Amino acid sequence: MSDPVILLTNDDGIDAVGLRALHDRLADRARVVAVAPDEDRSGAGLTMNTYLSVAEHELGYQVSGTPADCVQLATSGLDFDPDLVVSGCNPGPNIGAHTLSRSGTVGAAMEAGLSGVPALAVSLYDPERLFVTDPPAEDYAHAADAAAYLVDRMLDGSFGAADYVNAVVPTPTSGPGRPTLRITRPSRRFEIYTERSIREAVAEDGEMEFRDRFWEGLLAGEVEDPVGTDRRAVADGEVSVSPLQEPHVAASDDGFASVGEGYAEWGE
């Protein structure tokens, strides 16, 4: 049997340390081809472009587009037929339902799921500092191991009902042992904190800074999210693994059918 084929992408650029860490760890179990942005495209979500430039790279191809562009280009324009898409590793945690939809890393996995290809998004966090600027290769050790483990589980069908999986993994700050891996769901909590009101900003013609209160609470050890959520797992120093389905799945309710009745005769 031939080796499985993995499409590797990210939102930090094809030369990012996190992408190389996943590439090197997965290369012994699959044929890994990178199709990734030529520069940082963080926060792109599912954004796509009409015109792109493509160039060869030692790991595959670099693209002047978003992670979602890279997935579509690889599966359509490059006639690439991957068994699995892996996106990452992002040097910051992608957790919480409100965050996932904005993440370029997760956006690539969502795009793959919409195209019928199972996908894994991987991101990193530091239990003590949360975000790490330019983490070195060794900080991705747990993330690379978790990605390899989850790739094996996805290829053997263990996540059959999921369109994509979002994994968030700690740096190895607590020692050589592997952290607990917990199956989670995205937290729905979202509370914006501002230092000034909209009225004050308008009156002073000033800028406003929006901050999700969760991040400050996490660093202070004050997290209200229950066990089973991705944010709780990160607060506890665990590997958070959320099996998810593609967005925009139609709601099923027999009562919806009646909404269209009488529209032709309806008038204001």
Protein backbone atom coordinates (compact mmCIF):
# COMPACT_ATOMS: atom_id res chain seq x y z
CA MET A 1 0.00 0.00 0.00
CA SER A 2 1.36 3.43 -0.93
CA ASP A 3 2.01 6.04 1.73
CA PRO A 4 -0.84 8.44 2.52
CA VAL A 5 -0.54 11.92 1.08
CA ILE A 6 -0.72 14.93 3.42
CA LEU A 7 -1.21 18.50 2.26
CA LEU A 8 0.55 20.77 4.74
CA THR A 9 -0.31 24.45 5.01
CA ASN A 10 -0.42 27.26 7.57
CA ASP A 11 -1.14 30.98 7.97
CA ASP A 12 2.33 32.10 9.08
CA GLY A 13 4.13 31.49 5.81
CA ILE A 14 5.86 28.49 4.29
CA ASP A 15 9.17 29.27 6.01
CA ALA A 16 7.67 29.33 9.51
CA VAL A 17 9.34 27.17 12.15
CA GLY A 18 6.02 25.59 13.14
CA LEU A 19 5.32 24.33 9.63
CA ARG A 20 8.79 22.83 9.35
CA ALA A 21 8.36 21.09 12.71
CA LEU A 22 5.19 19.36 11.50
CA HIS A 23 6.71 18.56 8.11
CA ASP A 24 9.73 16.84 9.62
CA ARG A 25 7.65 14.87 12.14
CA LEU A 26 5.06 13.69 9.61
CA ALA A 27 7.48 12.89 6.77
CA ASP A 28 8.24 9.44 8.20
CA ARG A 29 4.61 8.32 8.00
CA ALA A 30 3.30 10.00 4.83
CA ARG A 31 4.22 11.86 1.67
CA VAL A 32 4.02 15.47 2.83
CA VAL A 33 3.62 18.29 0.31
CA ALA A 34 3.49 21.86 1.58
CA VAL A 35 1.31 24.41 -0.20
CA ALA A 36 1.42 27.47 2.01
CA PRO A 37 1.33 31.28 1.87
CA ASP A 38 4.50 33.10 0.86
CA GLU A 39 4.11 35.44 3.86
CA ASP A 40 2.16 35.80 7.09
CA ARG A 41 -1.61 35.60 6.51
CA SER A 42 -2.74 35.32 10.12
CA GLY A 43 -6.39 36.04 10.79
CA ALA A 44 -7.46 35.34 7.21
CA GLY A 45 -10.18 32.90 8.23
CA LEU A 46 -11.87 31.56 5.08
CA THR A 47 -10.90 34.55 2.92
CA MET A 48 -10.07 33.65 -0.68
CA ASN A 49 -8.60 35.53 -3.65
CA THR A 50 -9.23 35.41 -7.39
CA TYR A 51 -5.69 35.91 -8.66
CA LEU A 52 -2.65 34.16 -7.19
CA SER A 53 1.00 33.65 -7.98
CA VAL A 54 2.61 30.27 -7.32
CA ALA A 55 6.28 29.37 -7.04
CA GLU A 56 8.12 26.17 -6.27
CA HIS A 57 9.63 25.74 -2.80
CA GLU A 58 11.84 23.03 -1.33
CA LEU A 59 8.82 21.76 0.63
CA GLY A 60 6.32 22.11 -2.22
CA TYR A 61 4.79 25.41 -3.34
CA GLN A 62 4.46 28.94 -1.98
CA VAL A 63 1.36 30.92 -2.84
CA SER A 64 0.55 34.64 -2.74
CA GLY A 65 -2.72 33.93 -0.99
CA THR A 66 -4.48 32.78 2.14
CA PRO A 67 -4.51 29.33 3.75
CA ALA A 68 -7.94 28.69 2.22
CA ASP A 69 -6.49 29.66 -1.19
CA CYS A 70 -3.71 27.13 -0.67
CA VAL A 71 -6.14 24.31 0.08
CA GLN A 72 -8.27 25.03 -2.97
CA LEU A 73 -5.26 25.52 -5.21
CA ALA A 74 -3.72 22.25 -4.09
CA THR A 75 -6.90 20.23 -4.51
CA SER A 76 -8.01 21.90 -7.75
CA GLY A 77 -5.38 23.91 -9.60
CA LEU A 78 -2.52 21.52 -8.80
CA ASP A 79 -4.60 18.36 -9.27
CA PHE A 80 -3.48 17.35 -5.80
CA ASP A 81 -5.46 14.57 -4.12
CA PRO A 82 -4.46 14.50 -0.43
CA ASP A 83 -5.76 11.95 2.05
CA LEU A 84 -5.54 14.57 4.78
CA VAL A 85 -4.88 18.29 5.21
CA VAL A 86 -2.74 19.44 8.16
CA SER A 87 -2.62 23.15 8.98
CA GLY A 88 -0.07 24.67 11.36
CA CYS A 89 1.59 24.71 13.67
CA ASN A 90 0.41 28.17 14.72
CA PRO A 91 2.54 29.82 17.47
CA GLY A 92 -0.52 30.82 19.51
CA PRO A 93 -3.68 29.05 20.71
CA ASN A 94 -6.78 28.89 18.53
CA ILE A 95 -9.49 28.24 21.11
CA GLY A 96 -13.08 29.35 21.58
CA ALA A 97 -15.85 29.32 18.99
CA HIS A 98 -15.49 33.06 18.32
CA THR A 99 -11.77 32.70 17.66
CA LEU A 100 -11.91 29.66 15.39
CA SER A 101 -13.89 31.40 12.66
CA ARG A 102 -11.24 34.14 12.43
CA SER A 103 -8.16 31.92 12.40
CA GLY A 104 -6.31 31.35 9.15
CA THR A 105 -4.90 28.10 10.54
CA VAL A 106 -8.38 26.77 11.32
CA GLY A 107 -9.74 28.38 8.14
CA ALA A 108 -7.58 26.06 6.06
CA ALA A 109 -8.98 23.05 7.92
CA MET A 110 -12.52 24.34 7.48
CA GLU A 111 -11.93 24.85 3.75
CA ALA A 112 -10.67 21.28 3.47
CA GLY A 113 -13.75 20.03 5.31
CA LEU A 114 -16.00 21.94 2.93
CA SER A 115 -14.15 20.23 0.06
CA GLY A 116 -14.65 16.79 1.56
CA VAL A 117 -11.06 16.28 2.74
CA PRO A 118 -10.52 15.55 6.46
CA ALA A 119 -8.24 18.06 8.13
CA LEU A 120 -6.28 18.76 11.28
CA ALA A 121 -5.46 22.26 12.56
CA VAL A 122 -2.65 22.48 15.12
CA SER A 123 -1.65 25.42 17.30
CA LEU A 124 0.72 26.00 20.20
CA TYR A 125 0.48 27.66 23.59
CA ASP A 126 2.80 28.15 26.53
CA PRO A 127 1.23 27.22 29.91
CA GLU A 128 3.03 30.08 31.65
CA ARG A 129 2.98 32.85 29.03
CA LEU A 130 0.23 31.69 26.64
CA PHE A 131 1.63 33.40 23.53
CA VAL A 132 5.30 33.04 22.61
CA THR A 133 6.98 35.33 20.10
CA ASP A 134 9.05 33.40 17.55
CA PRO A 135 9.21 30.13 19.50
CA PRO A 136 12.22 27.93 18.67
CA ALA A 137 11.88 24.51 17.05
CA GLU A 138 12.11 22.68 20.38
CA ASP A 139 8.96 24.42 21.62
CA TYR A 140 7.00 22.50 18.97
CA ALA A 141 8.06 19.05 20.23
CA HIS A 142 4.74 18.18 21.90
CA ALA A 143 2.77 19.73 19.03
CA ALA A 144 4.63 17.62 16.45
CA ASP A 145 4.06 14.45 18.50
CA ALA A 146 0.37 15.25 18.98
CA ALA A 147 0.00 15.94 15.25
CA ALA A 148 1.60 12.60 14.36
CA TYR A 149 -0.63 10.76 16.83
CA LEU A 150 -3.79 12.47 15.59
CA VAL A 151 -2.85 11.94 11.93
CA ASP A 152 -2.63 8.21 12.62
CA ARG A 153 -6.03 8.27 14.36
CA MET A 154 -7.62 10.26 11.55
CA LEU A 155 -6.23 8.03 8.83
CA ASP A 156 -7.56 4.91 10.59
CA GLY A 157 -11.05 6.43 10.76
CA SER A 158 -11.18 7.21 14.50
CA PHE A 159 -12.61 10.68 13.74
CA GLY A 160 -15.02 9.50 11.06
CA ALA A 161 -17.88 11.83 12.03
CA ALA A 162 -15.68 14.93 12.10
CA ASP A 163 -14.96 17.12 9.07
CA TYR A 164 -11.91 18.59 10.78
CA VAL A 165 -10.12 18.47 14.12
CA ASN A 166 -8.69 21.43 16.03
CA ALA A 167 -5.75 20.58 18.30
CA VAL A 168 -4.12 23.01 20.73
CA VAL A 169 -0.89 21.77 22.34
CA PRO A 170 1.35 23.14 25.11
CA THR A 171 5.06 23.75 24.85
CA PRO A 172 7.18 21.21 26.75
CA THR A 173 7.79 23.51 29.73
CA SER A 174 6.65 21.05 32.41
CA GLY A 175 9.13 18.28 31.56
CA PRO A 176 9.66 15.50 29.04
CA GLY A 177 6.41 13.62 29.74
CA ARG A 178 3.47 14.09 27.41
CA PRO A 179 0.53 16.12 28.70
CA THR A 180 -2.98 14.73 29.02
CA LEU A 181 -4.96 14.72 25.77
CA ARG A 182 -8.59 15.70 26.26
CA ILE A 183 -11.43 15.62 23.71
CA THR A 184 -13.12 19.01 23.93
CA ARG A 185 -15.70 21.34 22.46
CA PRO A 186 -15.13 25.02 21.60
CA SER A 187 -16.08 27.33 24.43
CA ARG A 188 -18.98 29.66 23.65
CA ARG A 189 -17.96 32.25 26.25
CA PHE A 190 -16.99 35.61 24.77
CA GLU A 191 -16.80 38.84 26.73
CA ILE A 192 -15.25 41.94 25.23
CA TYR A 193 -13.42 44.33 27.53
CA THR A 194 -12.87 47.98 26.62
CA GLU A 195 -11.09 50.70 28.56
CA ARG A 196 -13.44 53.39 27.28
CA SER A 197 -17.02 53.52 26.12
CA ILE A 198 -18.06 54.15 22.53
CA ARG A 199 -19.40 57.56 23.60
CA GLU A 200 -16.01 58.50 25.08
CA ALA A 201 -14.19 57.36 21.97
CA VAL A 202 -16.51 59.37 19.72
CA ALA A 203 -16.26 62.48 21.91
CA GLU A 204 -12.46 62.32 21.94
CA ASP A 205 -12.15 61.13 18.36
CA GLY A 206 -9.99 58.35 19.79
CA GLU A 207 -9.34 54.68 19.15
CA MET A 208 -10.79 51.80 21.11
CA GLU A 209 -9.10 48.54 21.98
CA PHE A 210 -11.24 45.42 22.12
CA ARG A 211 -9.93 42.58 24.26
CA ASP A 212 -11.47 39.22 25.03
CA ARG A 213 -11.49 39.13 28.83
CA PHE A 214 -10.68 35.38 28.78
CA TRP A 215 -7.00 35.87 27.95
CA GLU A 216 -6.32 38.06 30.97
CA GLY A 217 -8.26 35.68 33.17
CA LEU A 218 -6.31 32.70 31.89
CA LEU A 219 -2.96 34.26 32.73
CA ALA A 220 -4.31 35.21 36.16
CA GLY A 221 -5.56 31.68 36.82
CA GLU A 222 -9.21 32.76 36.72
CA VAL A 223 -11.07 30.66 34.13
CA GLU A 224 -14.80 29.96 34.43
CA ASP A 225 -15.08 27.58 31.47
CA PRO A 226 -16.06 24.05 32.54
CA VAL A 227 -14.12 20.83 31.99
CA GLY A 228 -14.76 19.61 28.46
CA THR A 229 -14.20 22.97 26.78
CA ASP A 230 -11.07 23.84 24.83
CA ARG A 231 -10.37 26.87 27.01
CA ARG A 232 -10.56 24.81 30.21
CA ALA A 233 -8.14 22.26 28.74
CA VAL A 234 -5.63 25.00 27.92
CA ALA A 235 -6.02 26.47 31.42
CA ASP A 236 -5.19 23.00 32.80
CA GLY A 237 -2.12 22.55 30.58
CA GLU A 238 -3.68 19.80 28.47
CA VAL A 239 -3.78 18.99 24.77
CA SER A 240 -7.19 20.15 23.57
CA VAL A 241 -8.62 18.13 20.67
CA SER A 242 -11.97 19.30 19.26
CA PRO A 243 -13.59 17.13 16.54
CA LEU A 244 -15.73 19.56 14.52
CA GLN A 245 -18.06 19.62 11.56
CA GLU A 246 -18.03 22.05 8.66
CA PRO A 247 -19.79 25.40 9.14
CA HIS A 248 -23.13 26.32 7.67
CA VAL A 249 -24.74 22.90 8.06
CA ALA A 250 -28.47 23.38 7.52
CA ALA A 251 -30.60 23.22 10.65
CA SER A 252 -33.13 20.40 10.64
CA ASP A 253 -36.61 21.27 11.85
CA ASP A 254 -39.83 20.15 10.20
CA GLY A 255 -41.46 23.41 11.26
CA PHE A 256 -39.32 25.42 8.84
CA ALA A 257 -41.31 24.14 5.87
CA SER A 258 -44.34 26.17 6.89
CA VAL A 259 -42.39 29.43 6.64
CA GLY A 260 -42.72 29.45 2.86
CA GLU A 261 -46.45 28.84 2.83
CA GLY A 262 -48.46 31.85 1.70
CA TYR A 263 -45.49 33.88 0.47
CA ALA A 264 -46.92 34.23 -3.04
CA GLU A 265 -50.07 35.86 -1.61
CA TRP A 266 -48.28 37.87 1.06
CA GLY A 267 -48.29 41.64 0.87
CA GLU A 268 -47.24 44.52 3.04
